[in-house]
Amino acid sequence: NGKKVIITETGWPSTGSSLKGAVSSEENAMKYFINAQMWSAKE
C-alpha cells in the first residue's frame, strides 16, 4: 500500500536436483543473475 518493497532474497542454484520446470545448472544460474541484476537496476 505505497510502502517501499525490497527483494530480500532471490537467486538460482548452479547444481543439484531440479524442481519441476526449474533446472539447476551453471548456465541457468548465470542467466538468472544477469536478468535479475539488469531488471532491478533498470527499475
PDB file of all heavy atoms in Angstrom:
ATOM      1  N   ASN A   1       0.813  -1.221   0.000  1.00  0.00           N
ATOM      2  CA  ASN A   1       0.000   0.000   0.000  1.00  0.00           C
ATOM      3  C   ASN A   1       0.844   1.269   0.000  1.00  0.00           C
ATOM      4  O   ASN A   1       0.653   2.180   0.802  1.00  0.00           O
ATOM      5  CB  ASN A   1      -0.954   0.015   1.192  1.00  0.00           C
ATOM      6  CG  ASN A   1      -2.035  -1.032   1.081  1.00  0.00           C
ATOM      7  OD1 ASN A   1      -2.615  -1.233   0.007  1.00  0.00           O
ATOM      8  ND2 ASN A   1      -2.323  -1.723   2.177  1.00  0.00           N
ATOM      9  N   GLY A   2       1.837   1.322  -0.886  1.00  0.00           N
ATOM     10  CA  GLY A   2       2.662   2.512  -1.027  1.00  0.00           C
ATOM     11  C   GLY A   2       3.988   2.464  -0.303  1.00  0.00           C
ATOM     12  O   GLY A   2       4.837   3.340  -0.511  1.00  0.00           O
ATOM     13  N   LYS A   3       4.190   1.467   0.548  1.00  0.00           N
ATOM     14  CA  LYS A   3       5.477   1.338   1.229  1.00  0.00           C
ATOM     15  C   LYS A   3       6.526   0.773   0.275  1.00  0.00           C
ATOM     16  O   LYS A   3       6.196   0.034  -0.655  1.00  0.00           O
ATOM     17  CB  LYS A   3       5.343   0.422   2.445  1.00  0.00           C
ATOM     18  CG  LYS A   3       4.462   0.996   3.539  1.00  0.00           C
ATOM     19  CD  LYS A   3       4.382   0.069   4.741  1.00  0.00           C
ATOM     20  CE  LYS A   3       3.504   0.689   5.825  1.00  0.00           C
ATOM     21  NZ  LYS A   3       3.401  -0.181   7.017  1.00  0.00           N
ATOM     22  N   LYS A   4       7.778   1.131   0.525  1.00  0.00           N
ATOM     23  CA  LYS A   4       8.860   0.571  -0.276  1.00  0.00           C
ATOM     24  C   LYS A   4       8.897  -0.942  -0.116  1.00  0.00           C
ATOM     25  O   LYS A   4       8.714  -1.478   0.979  1.00  0.00           O
ATOM     26  CB  LYS A   4      10.206   1.154   0.164  1.00  0.00           C
ATOM     27  CG  LYS A   4      11.401   0.566  -0.610  1.00  0.00           C
ATOM     28  CD  LYS A   4      12.733   0.957  -0.012  1.00  0.00           C
ATOM     29  CE  LYS A   4      13.074   2.386  -0.337  1.00  0.00           C
ATOM     30  NZ  LYS A   4      14.474   2.724   0.084  1.00  0.00           N
ATOM     31  N   VAL A   5       9.148  -1.633  -1.235  1.00  0.00           N
ATOM     32  CA  VAL A   5       9.353  -3.076  -1.214  1.00  0.00           C
ATOM     33  C   VAL A   5      10.798  -3.358  -1.595  1.00  0.00           C
ATOM     34  O   VAL A   5      11.286  -2.874  -2.618  1.00  0.00           O
ATOM     35  CB  VAL A   5       8.405  -3.800  -2.189  1.00  0.00           C
ATOM     36  CG1 VAL A   5       8.717  -5.296  -2.221  1.00  0.00           C
ATOM     37  CG2 VAL A   5       6.952  -3.557  -1.788  1.00  0.00           C
ATOM     38  N   ILE A   6      11.478  -4.140  -0.778  1.00  0.00           N
ATOM     39  CA  ILE A   6      12.840  -4.585  -1.066  1.00  0.00           C
ATOM     40  C   ILE A   6      12.808  -6.090  -1.267  1.00  0.00           C
ATOM     41  O   ILE A   6      12.214  -6.816  -0.462  1.00  0.00           O
ATOM     42  CB  ILE A   6      13.800  -4.232   0.085  1.00  0.00           C
ATOM     43  CG1 ILE A   6      13.866  -2.710   0.284  1.00  0.00           C
ATOM     44  CG2 ILE A   6      15.201  -4.792  -0.179  1.00  0.00           C
ATOM     45  CD1 ILE A   6      14.695  -2.292   1.494  1.00  0.00           C
ATOM     46  N   ILE A   7      13.404  -6.562  -2.353  1.00  0.00           N
ATOM     47  CA  ILE A   7      13.555  -8.001  -2.549  1.00  0.00           C
ATOM     48  C   ILE A   7      14.735  -8.446  -1.690  1.00  0.00           C
ATOM     49  O   ILE A   7      15.885  -8.114  -1.979  1.00  0.00           O
ATOM     50  CB  ILE A   7      13.772  -8.352  -4.029  1.00  0.00           C
ATOM     51  CG1 ILE A   7      12.543  -7.936  -4.851  1.00  0.00           C
ATOM     52  CG2 ILE A   7      14.049  -9.854  -4.198  1.00  0.00           C
ATOM     53  CD1 ILE A   7      12.691  -8.160  -6.347  1.00  0.00           C
ATOM     54  N   THR A   8      14.435  -9.186  -0.635  1.00  0.00           N
ATOM     55  CA  THR A   8      15.455  -9.544   0.336  1.00  0.00           C
ATOM     56  C   THR A   8      16.190 -10.831  -0.019  1.00  0.00           C
ATOM     57  O   THR A   8      17.282 -11.090   0.501  1.00  0.00           O
ATOM     58  CB  THR A   8      14.838  -9.680   1.727  1.00  0.00           C
ATOM     59  OG1 THR A   8      13.544 -10.287   1.620  1.00  0.00           O
ATOM     60  CG2 THR A   8      14.686  -8.315   2.374  1.00  0.00           C
ATOM     61  N   GLU A   9      15.593 -11.659  -0.855  1.00  0.00           N
ATOM     62  CA  GLU A   9      16.267 -12.862  -1.348  1.00  0.00           C
ATOM     63  C   GLU A   9      15.711 -13.212  -2.723  1.00  0.00           C
ATOM     64  O   GLU A   9      14.500 -13.216  -2.924  1.00  0.00           O
ATOM     65  CB  GLU A   9      16.035 -14.082  -0.437  1.00  0.00           C
ATOM     66  CG  GLU A   9      16.668 -14.019   0.917  1.00  0.00           C
ATOM     67  CD  GLU A   9      16.322 -15.252   1.758  1.00  0.00           C
ATOM     68  OE1 GLU A   9      16.274 -16.376   1.178  1.00  0.00           O
ATOM     69  OE2 GLU A   9      16.089 -15.097   2.961  1.00  0.00           O
ATOM     70  N   THR A  10      16.613 -13.520  -3.649  1.00  0.00           N
ATOM     71  CA  THR A  10      16.269 -14.180  -4.902  1.00  0.00           C
ATOM     72  C   THR A  10      17.562 -14.763  -5.454  1.00  0.00           C
ATOM     73  O   THR A  10      18.648 -14.237  -5.197  1.00  0.00           O
ATOM     74  CB  THR A  10      15.598 -13.233  -5.908  1.00  0.00           C
ATOM     75  OG1 THR A  10      14.996 -13.995  -6.956  1.00  0.00           O
ATOM     76  CG2 THR A  10      16.597 -12.233  -6.513  1.00  0.00           C
ATOM     77  N   GLY A  11      17.458 -15.853  -6.169  1.00  0.00           N
ATOM     78  CA  GLY A  11      18.663 -16.482  -6.701  1.00  0.00           C
ATOM     79  C   GLY A  11      18.311 -17.754  -7.458  1.00  0.00           C
ATOM     80  O   GLY A  11      17.140 -18.086  -7.634  1.00  0.00           O
ATOM     81  N   TRP A  12      19.367 -18.450  -7.896  1.00  0.00           N
ATOM     82  CA  TRP A  12      19.186 -19.684  -8.670  1.00  0.00           C
ATOM     83  C   TRP A  12      20.380 -20.599  -8.400  1.00  0.00           C
ATOM     84  O   TRP A  12      21.521 -20.146  -8.445  1.00  0.00           O
ATOM     85  CB  TRP A  12      19.107 -19.368 -10.165  1.00  0.00           C
ATOM     86  CG  TRP A  12      18.462 -20.455 -10.981  1.00  0.00           C
ATOM     87  CD1 TRP A  12      19.067 -21.586 -11.486  1.00  0.00           C
ATOM     88  CD2 TRP A  12      17.095 -20.520 -11.390  1.00  0.00           C
ATOM     89  NE1 TRP A  12      18.162 -22.340 -12.179  1.00  0.00           N
ATOM     90  CE2 TRP A  12      16.938 -21.717 -12.145  1.00  0.00           C
ATOM     91  CE3 TRP A  12      15.998 -19.686 -11.199  1.00  0.00           C
ATOM     92  CZ2 TRP A  12      15.720 -22.088 -12.705  1.00  0.00           C
ATOM     93  CZ3 TRP A  12      14.783 -20.047 -11.753  1.00  0.00           C
ATOM     94  CH2 TRP A  12      14.656 -21.237 -12.496  1.00  0.00           C
ATOM     95  N   PRO A  13      20.142 -21.881  -8.114  1.00  0.00           N
ATOM     96  CA  PRO A  13      21.253 -22.786  -7.802  1.00  0.00           C
ATOM     97  C   PRO A  13      22.006 -23.228  -9.045  1.00  0.00           C
ATOM     98  O   PRO A  13      21.423 -23.389 -10.123  1.00  0.00           O
ATOM     99  CB  PRO A  13      20.543 -23.978  -7.140  1.00  0.00           C
ATOM    100  CG  PRO A  13      19.182 -23.988  -7.758  1.00  0.00           C
ATOM    101  CD  PRO A  13      18.821 -22.545  -7.990  1.00  0.00           C
ATOM    102  N   SER A  14      23.304 -23.467  -8.878  1.00  0.00           N
ATOM    103  CA  SER A  14      24.163 -23.806 -10.009  1.00  0.00           C
ATOM    104  C   SER A  14      24.295 -25.301 -10.242  1.00  0.00           C
ATOM    105  O   SER A  14      24.809 -25.720 -11.285  1.00  0.00           O
ATOM    106  CB  SER A  14      25.560 -23.203  -9.811  1.00  0.00           C
ATOM    107  OG  SER A  14      26.138 -23.685  -8.609  1.00  0.00           O
ATOM    108  N   THR A  15      23.847 -26.112  -9.307  1.00  0.00           N
ATOM    109  CA  THR A  15      23.855 -27.568  -9.495  1.00  0.00           C
ATOM    110  C   THR A  15      22.932 -28.184  -8.456  1.00  0.00           C
ATOM    111  O   THR A  15      22.385 -27.494  -7.603  1.00  0.00           O
ATOM    112  CB  THR A  15      25.282 -28.142  -9.375  1.00  0.00           C
ATOM    113  OG1 THR A  15      25.291 -29.511  -9.792  1.00  0.00           O
ATOM    114  CG2 THR A  15      25.796 -28.062  -7.955  1.00  0.00           C
ATOM    115  N   GLY A  16      22.757 -29.508  -8.540  1.00  0.00           N
ATOM    116  CA  GLY A  16      21.861 -30.194  -7.626  1.00  0.00           C
ATOM    117  C   GLY A  16      20.579 -30.606  -8.318  1.00  0.00           C
ATOM    118  O   GLY A  16      20.400 -30.402  -9.525  1.00  0.00           O
ATOM    119  N   SER A  17      19.673 -31.195  -7.560  1.00  0.00           N
ATOM    120  CA  SER A  17      18.413 -31.669  -8.117  1.00  0.00           C
ATOM    121  C   SER A  17      17.577 -30.501  -8.630  1.00  0.00           C
ATOM    122  O   SER A  17      17.621 -29.404  -8.074  1.00  0.00           O
ATOM    123  CB  SER A  17      17.624 -32.430  -7.049  1.00  0.00           C
ATOM    124  OG  SER A  17      18.354 -33.534  -6.572  1.00  0.00           O
ATOM    125  N   SER A  18      16.807 -30.758  -9.686  1.00  0.00           N
ATOM    126  CA  SER A  18      15.923 -29.738 -10.233  1.00  0.00           C
ATOM    127  C   SER A  18      14.527 -29.895  -9.638  1.00  0.00           C
ATOM    128  O   SER A  18      14.198 -30.907  -9.015  1.00  0.00           O
ATOM    129  CB  SER A  18      15.886 -29.843 -11.754  1.00  0.00           C
ATOM    130  OG  SER A  18      17.179 -29.605 -12.297  1.00  0.00           O
ATOM    131  N   LEU A  19      13.687 -28.895  -9.828  1.00  0.00           N
ATOM    132  CA  LEU A  19      12.346 -28.881  -9.263  1.00  0.00           C
ATOM    133  C   LEU A  19      11.342 -28.561 -10.366  1.00  0.00           C
ATOM    134  O   LEU A  19      11.284 -27.435 -10.854  1.00  0.00           O
ATOM    135  CB  LEU A  19      12.261 -27.840  -8.150  1.00  0.00           C
ATOM    136  CG  LEU A  19      10.904 -27.666  -7.474  1.00  0.00           C
ATOM    137  CD1 LEU A  19      10.458 -28.965  -6.800  1.00  0.00           C
ATOM    138  CD2 LEU A  19      10.967 -26.545  -6.448  1.00  0.00           C
ATOM    139  N   LYS A  20      10.599 -29.577 -10.792  1.00  0.00           N
ATOM    140  CA  LYS A  20       9.638 -29.403 -11.887  1.00  0.00           C
ATOM    141  C   LYS A  20      10.354 -28.739 -13.069  1.00  0.00           C
ATOM    142  O   LYS A  20      11.349 -29.248 -13.550  1.00  0.00           O
ATOM    143  CB  LYS A  20       8.418 -28.635 -11.408  1.00  0.00           C
ATOM    144  CG  LYS A  20       7.633 -29.375 -10.330  1.00  0.00           C
ATOM    145  CD  LYS A  20       6.332 -28.692 -10.000  1.00  0.00           C
ATOM    146  CE  LYS A  20       5.538 -29.510  -8.990  1.00  0.00           C
ATOM    147  NZ  LYS A  20       4.235 -28.903  -8.683  1.00  0.00           N
ATOM    148  N   GLY A  21       9.872 -27.587 -13.519  1.00  0.00           N
ATOM    149  CA  GLY A  21      10.488 -26.934 -14.670  1.00  0.00           C
ATOM    150  C   GLY A  21      11.722 -26.122 -14.354  1.00  0.00           C
ATOM    151  O   GLY A  21      12.384 -25.597 -15.252  1.00  0.00           O
ATOM    152  N   ALA A  22      12.054 -26.006 -13.067  1.00  0.00           N
ATOM    153  CA  ALA A  22      13.213 -25.219 -12.651  1.00  0.00           C
ATOM    154  C   ALA A  22      14.446 -26.122 -12.615  1.00  0.00           C
ATOM    155  O   ALA A  22      14.555 -27.000 -11.765  1.00  0.00           O
ATOM    156  CB  ALA A  22      12.970 -24.604 -11.275  1.00  0.00           C
ATOM    157  N   VAL A  23      15.354 -25.906 -13.562  1.00  0.00           N
ATOM    158  CA  VAL A  23      16.525 -26.763 -13.725  1.00  0.00           C
ATOM    159  C   VAL A  23      17.748 -26.101 -13.092  1.00  0.00           C
ATOM    160  O   VAL A  23      18.081 -24.953 -13.412  1.00  0.00           O
ATOM    161  CB  VAL A  23      16.793 -27.056 -15.215  1.00  0.00           C
ATOM    162  CG1 VAL A  23      18.065 -27.880 -15.382  1.00  0.00           C
ATOM    163  CG2 VAL A  23      15.597 -27.781 -15.828  1.00  0.00           C
ATOM    164  N   SER A  24      18.397 -26.821 -12.192  1.00  0.00           N
ATOM    165  CA  SER A  24      19.614 -26.327 -11.555  1.00  0.00           C
ATOM    166  C   SER A  24      20.795 -26.553 -12.493  1.00  0.00           C
ATOM    167  O   SER A  24      21.090 -27.679 -12.861  1.00  0.00           O
ATOM    168  CB  SER A  24      19.866 -27.086 -10.242  1.00  0.00           C
ATOM    169  OG  SER A  24      18.728 -27.036  -9.420  1.00  0.00           O
ATOM    170  N   SER A  25      21.477 -25.477 -12.877  1.00  0.00           N
ATOM    171  CA  SER A  25      22.655 -25.598 -13.738  1.00  0.00           C
ATOM    172  C   SER A  25      23.442 -24.307 -13.679  1.00  0.00           C
ATOM    173  O   SER A  25      22.904 -23.247 -13.344  1.00  0.00           O
ATOM    174  CB  SER A  25      22.246 -25.884 -15.189  1.00  0.00           C
ATOM    175  OG  SER A  25      21.667 -24.743 -15.794  1.00  0.00           O
ATOM    176  N   GLU A  26      24.716 -24.396 -14.024  1.00  0.00           N
ATOM    177  CA  GLU A  26      25.545 -23.188 -14.066  1.00  0.00           C
ATOM    178  C   GLU A  26      25.009 -22.202 -15.099  1.00  0.00           C
ATOM    179  O   GLU A  26      24.964 -20.995 -14.861  1.00  0.00           O
ATOM    180  CB  GLU A  26      26.990 -23.566 -14.381  1.00  0.00           C
ATOM    181  CG  GLU A  26      27.690 -24.303 -13.256  1.00  0.00           C
ATOM    182  CD  GLU A  26      29.183 -24.427 -13.484  1.00  0.00           C
ATOM    183  OE1 GLU A  26      29.644 -24.073 -14.595  1.00  0.00           O
ATOM    184  OE2 GLU A  26      29.895 -24.857 -12.555  1.00  0.00           O
ATOM    185  N   GLU A  27      24.590 -22.716 -16.247  1.00  0.00           N
ATOM    186  CA  GLU A  27      24.076 -21.830 -17.293  1.00  0.00           C
ATOM    187  C   GLU A  27      22.845 -21.071 -16.810  1.00  0.00           C
ATOM    188  O   GLU A  27      22.734 -19.851 -16.997  1.00  0.00           O
ATOM    189  CB  GLU A  27      23.739 -22.653 -18.543  1.00  0.00           C
ATOM    190  CG  GLU A  27      23.232 -21.816 -19.703  1.00  0.00           C
ATOM    191  CD  GLU A  27      22.983 -22.640 -20.953  1.00  0.00           C
ATOM    192  OE1 GLU A  27      23.384 -23.826 -20.983  1.00  0.00           O
ATOM    193  OE2 GLU A  27      22.401 -22.094 -21.910  1.00  0.00           O
ATOM    194  N   ASN A  28      21.907 -21.769 -16.182  1.00  0.00           N
ATOM    195  CA  ASN A  28      20.697 -21.102 -15.709  1.00  0.00           C
ATOM    196  C   ASN A  28      20.979 -20.152 -14.558  1.00  0.00           C
ATOM    197  O   ASN A  28      20.348 -19.089 -14.443  1.00  0.00           O
ATOM    198  CB  ASN A  28      19.658 -22.142 -15.296  1.00  0.00           C
ATOM    199  CG  ASN A  28      19.010 -22.812 -16.483  1.00  0.00           C
ATOM    200  OD1 ASN A  28      19.132 -22.357 -17.621  1.00  0.00           O
ATOM    201  ND2 ASN A  28      18.321 -23.919 -16.231  1.00  0.00           N
ATOM    202  N   ALA A  29      21.927 -20.509 -13.698  1.00  0.00           N
ATOM    203  CA  ALA A  29      22.292 -19.614 -12.599  1.00  0.00           C
ATOM    204  C   ALA A  29      22.865 -18.308 -13.140  1.00  0.00           C
ATOM    205  O   ALA A  29      22.563 -17.223 -12.627  1.00  0.00           O
ATOM    206  CB  ALA A  29      23.289 -20.293 -11.666  1.00  0.00           C
ATOM    207  N   MET A  30      23.682 -18.389 -14.169  1.00  0.00           N
ATOM    208  CA  MET A  30      24.232 -17.175 -14.782  1.00  0.00           C
ATOM    209  C   MET A  30      23.129 -16.345 -15.427  1.00  0.00           C
ATOM    210  O   MET A  30      23.077 -15.125 -15.271  1.00  0.00           O
ATOM    211  CB  MET A  30      25.302 -17.542 -15.806  1.00  0.00           C
ATOM    212  CG  MET A  30      26.608 -18.001 -15.185  1.00  0.00           C
ATOM    213  SD  MET A  30      27.948 -18.202 -16.403  1.00  0.00           S
ATOM    214  CE  MET A  30      27.472 -19.737 -17.198  1.00  0.00           C
ATOM    215  N   LYS A  31      22.236 -17.001 -16.157  1.00  0.00           N
ATOM    216  CA  LYS A  31      21.145 -16.282 -16.828  1.00  0.00           C
ATOM    217  C   LYS A  31      20.264 -15.557 -15.813  1.00  0.00           C
ATOM    218  O   LYS A  31      19.895 -14.392 -16.008  1.00  0.00           O
ATOM    219  CB  LYS A  31      20.308 -17.251 -17.657  1.00  0.00           C
ATOM    220  CG  LYS A  31      20.998 -17.787 -18.896  1.00  0.00           C
ATOM    221  CD  LYS A  31      20.116 -18.802 -19.613  1.00  0.00           C
ATOM    222  CE  LYS A  31      20.767 -19.330 -20.885  1.00  0.00           C
ATOM    223  NZ  LYS A  31      19.922 -20.349 -21.565  1.00  0.00           N
ATOM    224  N   TYR A  32      19.923 -16.255 -14.746  1.00  0.00           N
ATOM    225  CA  TYR A  32      19.037 -15.642 -13.761  1.00  0.00           C
ATOM    226  C   TYR A  32      19.708 -14.441 -13.093  1.00  0.00           C
ATOM    227  O   TYR A  32      19.076 -13.385 -12.912  1.00  0.00           O
ATOM    228  CB  TYR A  32      18.628 -16.666 -12.702  1.00  0.00           C
ATOM    229  CG  TYR A  32      17.547 -16.130 -11.788  1.00  0.00           C
ATOM    230  CD1 TYR A  32      16.221 -16.107 -12.194  1.00  0.00           C
ATOM    231  CD2 TYR A  32      17.860 -15.614 -10.537  1.00  0.00           C
ATOM    232  CE1 TYR A  32      15.227 -15.591 -11.384  1.00  0.00           C
ATOM    233  CE2 TYR A  32      16.877 -15.095  -9.704  1.00  0.00           C
ATOM    234  CZ  TYR A  32      15.561 -15.093 -10.140  1.00  0.00           C
ATOM    235  OH  TYR A  32      14.581 -14.560  -9.327  1.00  0.00           O
ATOM    236  N   PHE A  33      20.963 -14.581 -12.737  1.00  0.00           N
ATOM    237  CA  PHE A  33      21.681 -13.471 -12.109  1.00  0.00           C
ATOM    238  C   PHE A  33      21.722 -12.258 -13.033  1.00  0.00           C
ATOM    239  O   PHE A  33      21.442 -11.131 -12.607  1.00  0.00           O
ATOM    240  CB  PHE A  33      23.096 -13.907 -11.750  1.00  0.00           C
ATOM    241  CG  PHE A  33      23.943 -12.805 -11.182  1.00  0.00           C
ATOM    242  CD1 PHE A  33      23.806 -12.405  -9.868  1.00  0.00           C
ATOM    243  CD2 PHE A  33      24.887 -12.145 -11.978  1.00  0.00           C
ATOM    244  CE1 PHE A  33      24.583 -11.376  -9.342  1.00  0.00           C
ATOM    245  CE2 PHE A  33      25.660 -11.126 -11.462  1.00  0.00           C
ATOM    246  CZ  PHE A  33      25.509 -10.731 -10.140  1.00  0.00           C
ATOM    247  N   ILE A  34      22.051 -12.481 -14.290  1.00  0.00           N
ATOM    248  CA  ILE A  34      22.145 -11.373 -15.251  1.00  0.00           C
ATOM    249  C   ILE A  34      20.803 -10.662 -15.384  1.00  0.00           C
ATOM    250  O   ILE A  34      20.719  -9.430 -15.271  1.00  0.00           O
ATOM    251  CB  ILE A  34      22.627 -11.892 -16.625  1.00  0.00           C
ATOM    252  CG1 ILE A  34      24.079 -12.359 -16.532  1.00  0.00           C
ATOM    253  CG2 ILE A  34      22.468 -10.808 -17.694  1.00  0.00           C
ATOM    254  CD1 ILE A  34      24.513 -13.223 -17.699  1.00  0.00           C
ATOM    255  N   ASN A  35      19.740 -11.417 -15.616  1.00  0.00           N
ATOM    256  CA  ASN A  35      18.428 -10.804 -15.783  1.00  0.00           C
ATOM    257  C   ASN A  35      17.950 -10.093 -14.524  1.00  0.00           C
ATOM    258  O   ASN A  35      17.393  -8.987 -14.587  1.00  0.00           O
ATOM    259  CB  ASN A  35      17.399 -11.863 -16.197  1.00  0.00           C
ATOM    260  CG  ASN A  35      17.306 -12.030 -17.699  1.00  0.00           C
ATOM    261  OD1 ASN A  35      17.747 -11.168 -18.462  1.00  0.00           O
ATOM    262  ND2 ASN A  35      16.732 -13.135 -18.131  1.00  0.00           N
ATOM    263  N   ALA A  36      18.168 -10.721 -13.360  1.00  0.00           N
ATOM    264  CA  ALA A  36      17.726 -10.114 -12.114  1.00  0.00           C
ATOM    265  C   ALA A  36      18.439  -8.787 -11.865  1.00  0.00           C
ATOM    266  O   ALA A  36      17.808  -7.789 -11.480  1.00  0.00           O
ATOM    267  CB  ALA A  36      17.972 -11.072 -10.950  1.00  0.00           C
ATOM    268  N   GLN A  37      19.752  -8.757 -12.094  1.00  0.00           N
ATOM    269  CA  GLN A  37      20.508  -7.532 -11.845  1.00  0.00           C
ATOM    270  C   GLN A  37      20.149  -6.437 -12.849  1.00  0.00           C
ATOM    271  O   GLN A  37      20.008  -5.264 -12.477  1.00  0.00           O
ATOM    272  CB  GLN A  37      22.007  -7.827 -11.889  1.00  0.00           C
ATOM    273  CG  GLN A  37      22.498  -8.758 -10.783  1.00  0.00           C
ATOM    274  CD  GLN A  37      22.226  -8.232  -9.392  1.00  0.00           C
ATOM    275  OE1 GLN A  37      22.230  -7.024  -9.154  1.00  0.00           O
ATOM    276  NE2 GLN A  37      21.989  -9.143  -8.468  1.00  0.00           N
ATOM    277  N   MET A  38      20.000  -6.803 -14.119  1.00  0.00           N
ATOM    278  CA  MET A  38      19.674  -5.788 -15.128  1.00  0.00           C
ATOM    279  C   MET A  38      18.288  -5.205 -14.894  1.00  0.00           C
ATOM    280  O   MET A  38      18.075  -3.997 -15.010  1.00  0.00           O
ATOM    281  CB  MET A  38      19.801  -6.397 -16.520  1.00  0.00           C
ATOM    282  CG  MET A  38      21.229  -6.675 -16.935  1.00  0.00           C
ATOM    283  SD  MET A  38      21.351  -7.187 -18.680  1.00  0.00           S
ATOM    284  CE  MET A  38      23.128  -7.247 -18.890  1.00  0.00           C
ATOM    285  N   TRP A  39      17.328  -6.072 -14.555  1.00  0.00           N
ATOM    286  CA  TRP A  39      15.966  -5.586 -14.310  1.00  0.00           C
ATOM    287  C   TRP A  39      15.904  -4.696 -13.075  1.00  0.00           C
ATOM    288  O   TRP A  39      15.314  -3.607 -13.106  1.00  0.00           O
ATOM    289  CB  TRP A  39      15.012  -6.760 -14.156  1.00  0.00           C
ATOM    290  CG  TRP A  39      13.640  -6.358 -13.691  1.00  0.00           C
ATOM    291  CD1 TRP A  39      12.725  -5.609 -14.369  1.00  0.00           C
ATOM    292  CD2 TRP A  39      13.054  -6.653 -12.424  1.00  0.00           C
ATOM    293  NE1 TRP A  39      11.586  -5.427 -13.616  1.00  0.00           N
ATOM    294  CE2 TRP A  39      11.764  -6.060 -12.410  1.00  0.00           C
ATOM    295  CE3 TRP A  39      13.484  -7.373 -11.313  1.00  0.00           C
ATOM    296  CZ2 TRP A  39      10.906  -6.167 -11.316  1.00  0.00           C
ATOM    297  CZ3 TRP A  39      12.624  -7.480 -10.223  1.00  0.00           C
ATOM    298  CH2 TRP A  39      11.353  -6.877 -10.235  1.00  0.00           C
ATOM    299  N   SER A  40      16.531  -5.126 -11.982  1.00  0.00           N
ATOM    300  CA  SER A  40      16.462  -4.338 -10.752  1.00  0.00           C
ATOM    301  C   SER A  40      17.143  -2.986 -10.932  1.00  0.00           C
ATOM    302  O   SER A  40      16.667  -1.975 -10.409  1.00  0.00           O
ATOM    303  CB  SER A  40      17.077  -5.105  -9.580  1.00  0.00           C
ATOM    304  OG  SER A  40      18.447  -5.350  -9.781  1.00  0.00           O
ATOM    305  N   ALA A  41      18.246  -2.963 -11.678  1.00  0.00           N
ATOM    306  CA  ALA A  41      18.921  -1.689 -11.930  1.00  0.00           C
ATOM    307  C   ALA A  41      18.057  -0.776 -12.796  1.00  0.00           C
ATOM    308  O   ALA A  41      17.952   0.427 -12.540  1.00  0.00           O
ATOM    309  CB  ALA A  41      20.267  -1.938 -12.599  1.00  0.00           C
ATOM    310  N   LYS A  42      17.431  -1.348 -13.817  1.00  0.00           N
ATOM    311  CA  LYS A  42      16.591  -0.556 -14.721  1.00  0.00           C
ATOM    312  C   LYS A  42      15.397   0.045 -13.999  1.00  0.00           C
ATOM    313  O   LYS A  42      15.038   1.208 -14.210  1.00  0.00           O
ATOM    314  CB  LYS A  42      16.122  -1.417 -15.891  1.00  0.00           C
ATOM    315  CG  LYS A  42      15.267  -0.668 -16.911  1.00  0.00           C
ATOM    316  CD  LYS A  42      14.855  -1.583 -18.051  1.00  0.00           C
ATOM    317  CE  LYS A  42      14.095  -0.802 -19.124  1.00  0.00           C
ATOM    318  NZ  LYS A  42      12.856  -0.193 -18.601  1.00  0.00           N
ATOM    319  N   GLU A  43      14.770  -0.743 -13.128  1.00  0.00           N
ATOM    320  CA  GLU A  43      13.563  -0.302 -12.435  1.00  0.00           C
ATOM    321  C   GLU A  43      13.861   0.350 -11.085  1.00  0.00           C
ATOM    322  O   GLU A  43      12.944   0.733 -10.359  1.00  0.00           O
ATOM    323  CB  GLU A  43      12.620  -1.492 -12.229  1.00  0.00           C
ATOM    324  CG  GLU A  43      12.125  -2.148 -13.501  1.00  0.00           C
ATOM    325  CD  GLU A  43      11.190  -1.259 -14.295  1.00  0.00           C
ATOM    326  OE1 GLU A  43      10.655  -0.283 -13.712  1.00  0.00           O
ATOM    327  OE2 GLU A  43      10.999  -1.528 -15.498  1.00  0.00           O
TER     328      GLU A  43
END
